[in-house]
Amino acid sequence: MESIEAQAYAKHMNLKLAANELGINWKTLYVRLKNQGVKIVGDKLRYGTDRDKLGAYGEKLFLDLVPSAKNENSNQFQAKYDFSVFGYKVDIKAGRPRQLNKKFPQLAWSFSFKKQTLICDFIICFCLNEDKSINKILLVPKEFFAGLQTVSVSMLGYSKWHDYSIEPHELFDFFKDLPSLES
């Protein structure tokens, strides 16, 4: 049977809110949950920054398209990569178009790769419209992003990154067709 601490945390996915509900401080709740083996993972969709929420939205889109993916964020807060798919490490990026240079009005998507370049096998970039609908999905293998810090993708199509475009319905089959790394 789940403890009242675990129930409160599962309800809120936020240490402070769960602790307030129980009338204890968050540090006490944290220690109790850790002693019970409860994973502290948080909920970026509800409590994250705007960029966290957009990233979590991209992760949800990916899971909808590749339902067999294992969500690494459900096991650890801020996991080093977002998903494991048949043994491959996949990180998800999501961005809306914005003006990257004040001198030029051109809009582009911008993604930070720096934390994942040595870890991931693939980075999936969801290039979203302002309404969060999918404009383009980029599937970038590690061979092509090694050492990169930031990637900018022009909305006008003048970027080499457009070569890595993939249709949403093709994502699952891509991973399914790779040789599995799982034993």
Protein backbone atom coordinates (compact mmCIF):
# COMPACT_ATOMS: atom_id res chain seq x y z
CA MET A 1 0.00 0.00 0.00
CA GLU A 2 1.28 3.43 -0.97
CA SER A 3 2.11 5.83 1.88
CA ILE A 4 0.30 9.14 2.29
CA GLU A 5 3.56 10.89 1.38
CA ALA A 6 3.81 8.95 -1.89
CA GLN A 7 0.15 9.59 -2.65
CA ALA A 8 0.51 13.34 -2.09
CA TYR A 9 3.63 13.47 -4.27
CA ALA A 10 1.97 11.43 -7.03
CA LYS A 11 -0.98 13.83 -6.94
CA HIS A 12 1.10 17.00 -7.26
CA MET A 13 4.46 15.85 -8.70
CA ASN A 14 5.87 18.81 -6.79
CA LEU A 15 7.67 18.50 -3.44
CA LYS A 16 6.55 21.88 -2.09
CA LEU A 17 2.86 21.41 -2.92
CA ALA A 18 2.79 17.84 -1.59
CA ALA A 19 4.59 18.90 1.61
CA ASN A 20 2.15 21.79 2.14
CA GLU A 21 -0.77 19.39 1.75
CA LEU A 22 0.76 17.13 4.42
CA GLY A 23 1.70 20.00 6.74
CA ILE A 24 5.45 19.23 6.67
CA ASN A 25 8.40 20.92 5.03
CA TRP A 26 9.65 19.77 1.64
CA LYS A 27 12.99 18.53 3.01
CA THR A 28 11.26 16.12 5.40
CA LEU A 29 9.02 14.90 2.58
CA TYR A 30 12.03 14.42 0.31
CA VAL A 31 13.83 12.28 2.90
CA ARG A 32 10.72 10.18 3.54
CA LEU A 33 10.10 9.62 -0.18
CA LYS A 34 13.74 8.65 -0.79
CA ASN A 35 13.60 6.20 2.14
CA GLN A 36 10.46 4.68 0.56
CA GLY A 37 12.16 4.35 -2.83
CA VAL A 38 9.87 6.88 -4.52
CA LYS A 39 11.45 8.51 -7.59
CA ILE A 40 11.52 12.29 -7.46
CA VAL A 41 10.96 13.40 -11.04
CA GLY A 42 8.77 16.52 -11.05
CA ASP A 43 6.39 17.65 -13.76
CA LYS A 44 7.85 20.13 -16.25
CA LEU A 45 4.54 20.51 -18.08
CA ARG A 46 2.87 21.92 -14.97
CA TYR A 47 5.70 23.61 -13.09
CA GLY A 48 8.56 24.26 -15.48
CA THR A 49 9.65 27.45 -17.19
CA ASP A 50 8.17 28.29 -20.59
CA ARG A 51 11.13 26.53 -22.28
CA ASP A 52 10.71 23.52 -19.96
CA LYS A 53 7.03 23.34 -20.85
CA LEU A 54 7.78 23.55 -24.56
CA GLY A 55 10.41 20.80 -24.19
CA ALA A 56 7.97 18.62 -22.25
CA TYR A 57 5.38 19.23 -24.98
CA GLY A 58 7.91 18.01 -27.57
CA GLU A 59 8.55 14.92 -25.45
CA LYS A 60 4.80 14.24 -25.38
CA LEU A 61 4.62 14.60 -29.17
CA PHE A 62 7.49 12.14 -29.57
CA LEU A 63 5.89 9.59 -27.25
CA ASP A 64 2.65 9.87 -29.22
CA LEU A 65 4.59 9.11 -32.43
CA VAL A 66 6.89 6.45 -30.94
CA PRO A 67 4.82 4.83 -28.16
CA SER A 68 7.39 2.08 -27.53
CA ALA A 69 9.95 4.69 -26.40
CA LYS A 70 10.99 4.45 -22.75
CA ASN A 71 10.71 7.85 -21.04
CA GLU A 72 13.92 8.35 -19.07
CA ASN A 73 12.49 11.45 -17.38
CA SER A 74 9.96 9.27 -15.58
CA ASN A 75 12.84 7.61 -13.71
CA GLN A 76 15.01 10.63 -12.95
CA PHE A 77 14.59 14.39 -12.81
CA GLN A 78 16.49 15.99 -15.70
CA ALA A 79 17.76 12.71 -17.13
CA LYS A 80 20.82 13.00 -19.40
CA TYR A 81 18.63 12.10 -22.39
CA ASP A 82 14.86 11.93 -22.79
CA PHE A 83 14.10 8.51 -24.29
CA SER A 84 15.53 5.10 -24.94
CA VAL A 85 14.19 3.53 -28.13
CA PHE A 86 15.28 -0.07 -28.74
CA GLY A 87 18.49 0.77 -26.85
CA TYR A 88 19.21 4.05 -28.67
CA LYS A 89 19.55 7.24 -26.61
CA VAL A 90 17.30 9.97 -27.97
CA ASP A 91 16.95 13.56 -26.84
CA ILE A 92 14.02 15.74 -27.81
CA LYS A 93 14.16 19.43 -28.61
CA ALA A 94 11.20 21.69 -29.32
CA GLY A 95 11.22 25.26 -30.49
CA ARG A 96 9.04 27.98 -31.91
CA PRO A 97 10.28 30.34 -34.60
CA ARG A 98 11.96 33.51 -33.44
CA GLN A 99 14.12 36.28 -34.80
CA LEU A 100 17.72 35.30 -34.02
CA ASN A 101 19.42 38.39 -35.43
CA LYS A 102 18.18 41.94 -34.84
CA LYS A 103 19.51 43.10 -38.21
CA PHE A 104 17.55 40.51 -40.21
CA PRO A 105 13.81 39.87 -39.82
CA GLN A 106 14.12 36.21 -40.86
CA LEU A 107 12.63 33.74 -38.39
CA ALA A 108 14.36 30.51 -37.40
CA TRP A 109 14.20 27.71 -34.88
CA SER A 110 17.13 27.41 -32.52
CA PHE A 111 18.14 24.31 -30.55
CA SER A 112 20.88 23.76 -27.99
CA PHE A 113 22.76 20.48 -28.50
CA LYS A 114 25.68 21.08 -26.14
CA LYS A 115 24.63 18.76 -23.29
CA GLN A 116 23.73 15.82 -25.53
CA THR A 117 26.58 15.75 -28.05
CA LEU A 118 28.59 13.12 -26.17
CA ILE A 119 25.65 11.09 -24.89
CA CYS A 120 22.87 10.71 -27.47
CA ASP A 121 22.58 8.61 -30.58
CA PHE A 122 19.88 10.87 -32.04
CA ILE A 123 18.41 14.29 -31.44
CA ILE A 124 14.85 14.92 -32.59
CA CYS A 125 13.97 18.58 -33.16
CA PHE A 126 10.31 19.56 -33.26
CA CYS A 127 10.13 22.79 -35.26
CA LEU A 128 6.79 24.11 -34.07
CA ASN A 129 4.54 26.87 -35.31
CA GLU A 130 3.35 29.57 -32.93
CA ASP A 131 0.22 27.50 -32.18
CA LYS A 132 2.51 24.53 -31.25
CA SER A 133 1.49 22.52 -34.30
CA ILE A 134 4.31 20.64 -36.01
CA ASN A 135 5.89 22.50 -38.91
CA LYS A 136 8.84 20.15 -39.35
CA ILE A 137 10.60 17.33 -37.51
CA LEU A 138 14.33 16.87 -37.79
CA LEU A 139 15.98 13.53 -36.98
CA VAL A 140 19.70 14.14 -36.52
CA PRO A 141 22.07 11.16 -36.02
CA LYS A 142 25.05 11.61 -33.68
CA GLU A 143 27.50 11.53 -36.56
CA PHE A 144 26.18 14.93 -37.67
CA PHE A 145 25.88 16.82 -34.39
CA ALA A 146 29.10 15.80 -32.60
CA GLY A 147 30.74 18.87 -31.11
CA LEU A 148 27.93 21.29 -31.95
CA GLN A 149 26.63 23.71 -29.37
CA THR A 150 23.64 25.32 -31.07
CA VAL A 151 21.76 24.64 -34.29
CA SER A 152 19.69 27.28 -36.08
CA VAL A 153 17.18 26.23 -38.71
CA SER A 154 15.81 28.86 -41.07
CA MET A 155 12.07 28.82 -41.70
CA LEU A 156 12.80 29.73 -45.33
CA GLY A 157 14.50 26.41 -46.03
CA TYR A 158 18.06 27.79 -46.37
CA SER A 159 19.63 25.44 -43.87
CA LYS A 160 21.49 22.16 -44.25
CA TRP A 161 19.45 20.90 -41.30
CA HIS A 162 16.37 20.62 -43.51
CA ASP A 163 18.09 17.55 -45.04
CA TYR A 164 17.29 15.70 -41.79
CA SER A 165 13.57 16.31 -42.06
CA ILE A 166 11.31 13.33 -41.39
CA GLU A 167 7.55 12.95 -41.55
CA PRO A 168 5.81 12.27 -38.23
CA HIS A 169 4.46 8.90 -39.42
CA GLU A 170 8.01 7.79 -40.39
CA LEU A 171 9.58 8.16 -36.94
CA PHE A 172 8.44 4.88 -35.42
CA ASP A 173 9.42 2.85 -38.50
CA PHE A 174 12.85 4.48 -38.56
CA PHE A 175 13.64 3.22 -35.05
CA LYS A 176 11.97 -0.13 -35.66
CA ASP A 177 14.13 -0.71 -38.75
CA LEU A 178 17.42 -0.05 -36.90
CA PRO A 179 19.25 -3.04 -35.42
CA SER A 180 18.15 -3.19 -31.77
CA LEU A 181 20.78 -2.41 -29.14
CA GLU A 182 18.71 -4.04 -26.42
CA SER A 183 19.85 -7.44 -25.25
